[in-house]
Amino acid sequence: MFFDTRPKLSVHVMQTHETFACAQDESLLQGMLRLGRKGIPVGCVNGGCGVCKVHVIEGQCRPLGPISRAHVSATEEAHGFTLACRVAPVTAIQLEVVGKFEKPFRKGFTTSVNP
């Protein structure tokens, strides 16, 4: 049996009032997914889609890789916006999810057009 003994930091999602522990060597998104938590939308998990865009209200993160400027401008990044899949916590974090919590399309939903 494997026990994860890495030191962890607290990550709080403002909209859901959920808090989860995230290791300093994993992305905010990986930490949430590892614990089976919900809150940050999940997309491609490698910085290309922008679905996991968050605004870090309090705390500090370090980059794990490049952030697509198509989804986070340099100005936004300077004001705490980032992609949760591309940063790891350095301190405890409070964040707001920028995107929607629900996917725009629901399985089984169709629209019909009457001529």
Protein backbone atom coordinates (compact mmCIF):
# COMPACT_ATOMS: atom_id res chain seq x y z
CA MET A 1 0.00 0.00 0.00
CA PHE A 2 1.31 3.46 -0.94
CA PHE A 3 1.01 6.37 1.45
CA ASP A 4 1.62 9.83 0.06
CA THR A 5 3.89 11.49 2.60
CA ARG A 6 4.68 14.61 0.57
CA PRO A 7 4.07 17.87 2.46
CA LYS A 8 0.81 19.44 1.31
CA LEU A 9 -0.64 22.92 1.21
CA SER A 10 -4.27 23.96 1.50
CA VAL A 11 -6.12 25.03 -1.67
CA HIS A 12 -9.53 26.65 -1.17
CA VAL A 13 -12.02 27.07 -4.05
CA MET A 14 -14.08 30.14 -3.17
CA GLN A 15 -17.23 29.30 -5.17
CA THR A 16 -17.68 25.79 -3.75
CA HIS A 17 -16.19 26.47 -0.30
CA GLU A 18 -14.16 23.26 -0.78
CA THR A 19 -10.60 22.93 0.46
CA PHE A 20 -8.18 20.24 -0.64
CA ALA A 21 -4.54 19.45 0.05
CA CYS A 22 -2.07 19.82 -2.79
CA ALA A 23 1.60 18.78 -2.80
CA GLN A 24 4.15 21.39 -3.79
CA ASP A 25 5.32 19.23 -6.69
CA GLU A 26 1.90 18.72 -8.30
CA SER A 27 -0.37 21.13 -10.15
CA LEU A 28 -3.39 22.62 -8.43
CA LEU A 29 -5.52 20.62 -10.86
CA GLN A 30 -3.69 17.33 -10.15
CA GLY A 31 -4.17 17.83 -6.42
CA MET A 32 -7.89 18.34 -6.85
CA LEU A 33 -8.25 15.33 -9.14
CA ARG A 34 -6.09 13.09 -6.93
CA LEU A 35 -8.53 13.60 -4.09
CA GLY A 36 -11.62 13.19 -6.24
CA ARG A 37 -12.70 16.76 -5.54
CA LYS A 38 -14.79 18.93 -7.83
CA GLY A 39 -14.60 22.63 -8.48
CA ILE A 40 -11.98 23.48 -11.09
CA PRO A 41 -13.16 22.52 -14.58
CA VAL A 42 -10.96 19.91 -16.29
CA GLY A 43 -9.99 19.99 -19.94
CA CYS A 44 -6.81 18.87 -21.67
CA VAL A 45 -4.65 19.05 -18.48
CA ASN A 46 -1.61 20.43 -20.33
CA GLY A 47 -2.25 24.16 -20.73
CA GLY A 48 -3.69 24.17 -24.23
CA CYS A 49 -7.45 24.56 -23.73
CA GLY A 50 -7.78 27.16 -20.97
CA VAL A 51 -10.71 25.38 -19.30
CA CYS A 52 -9.03 25.33 -15.87
CA LYS A 53 -8.42 29.10 -15.73
CA VAL A 54 -8.41 30.40 -12.17
CA HIS A 55 -7.78 33.65 -10.32
CA VAL A 56 -5.44 33.22 -7.36
CA ILE A 57 -6.89 35.57 -4.73
CA GLU A 58 -4.41 34.73 -2.00
CA GLY A 59 -1.16 32.78 -1.92
CA GLN A 60 1.65 32.06 -4.34
CA CYS A 61 2.15 29.50 -7.08
CA ARG A 62 5.14 28.53 -9.17
CA PRO A 63 4.96 27.68 -12.87
CA LEU A 64 5.20 24.05 -13.99
CA GLY A 65 5.30 24.91 -17.67
CA PRO A 66 4.33 27.58 -20.16
CA ILE A 67 0.87 29.13 -20.06
CA SER A 68 -0.89 29.71 -23.37
CA ARG A 69 -1.20 33.45 -24.05
CA ALA A 70 -4.35 32.60 -25.99
CA HIS A 71 -5.97 31.89 -22.60
CA VAL A 72 -4.03 34.00 -20.08
CA SER A 73 -2.50 37.30 -21.15
CA ALA A 74 0.67 38.64 -19.52
CA THR A 75 -1.45 41.35 -17.87
CA GLU A 76 -3.90 38.78 -16.48
CA GLU A 77 -1.02 36.65 -15.22
CA ALA A 78 0.43 39.69 -13.41
CA HIS A 79 -2.96 40.07 -11.67
CA GLY A 80 -3.11 36.44 -10.44
CA PHE A 81 -4.85 34.67 -13.32
CA THR A 82 -3.38 31.34 -14.41
CA LEU A 83 -4.21 27.82 -15.54
CA ALA A 84 -4.57 25.38 -12.64
CA CYS A 85 -2.90 22.61 -14.67
CA ARG A 86 0.31 24.65 -15.10
CA VAL A 87 1.07 25.86 -11.54
CA ALA A 88 1.96 24.29 -8.20
CA PRO A 89 1.36 25.87 -4.78
CA VAL A 90 4.21 27.52 -2.89
CA THR A 91 1.93 28.68 -0.05
CA ALA A 92 -1.70 28.02 0.91
CA ILE A 93 -3.98 29.16 -1.94
CA GLN A 94 -7.41 30.75 -2.21
CA LEU A 95 -8.72 30.85 -5.75
CA GLU A 96 -11.78 31.63 -7.80
CA VAL A 97 -12.65 29.60 -10.87
CA VAL A 98 -12.91 31.89 -13.88
CA GLY A 99 -14.72 29.47 -16.18
CA LYS A 100 -18.08 27.83 -15.73
CA PHE A 101 -18.59 24.90 -13.42
CA GLU A 102 -20.84 23.10 -15.90
CA LYS A 103 -19.95 21.90 -19.34
CA PRO A 104 -21.88 23.82 -22.01
CA PHE A 105 -23.21 20.63 -23.60
CA ARG A 106 -25.00 17.88 -21.74
CA LYS A 107 -25.00 14.32 -22.94
CA GLY A 108 -28.32 13.34 -24.47
CA PHE A 109 -29.51 16.92 -24.98
CA THR A 110 -30.59 17.75 -28.51
CA THR A 111 -32.47 20.59 -30.03
CA SER A 112 -34.85 20.22 -32.87
CA VAL A 113 -35.65 22.84 -35.43
CA ASN A 114 -39.11 22.95 -36.89
CA PRO A 115 -39.26 24.27 -40.48
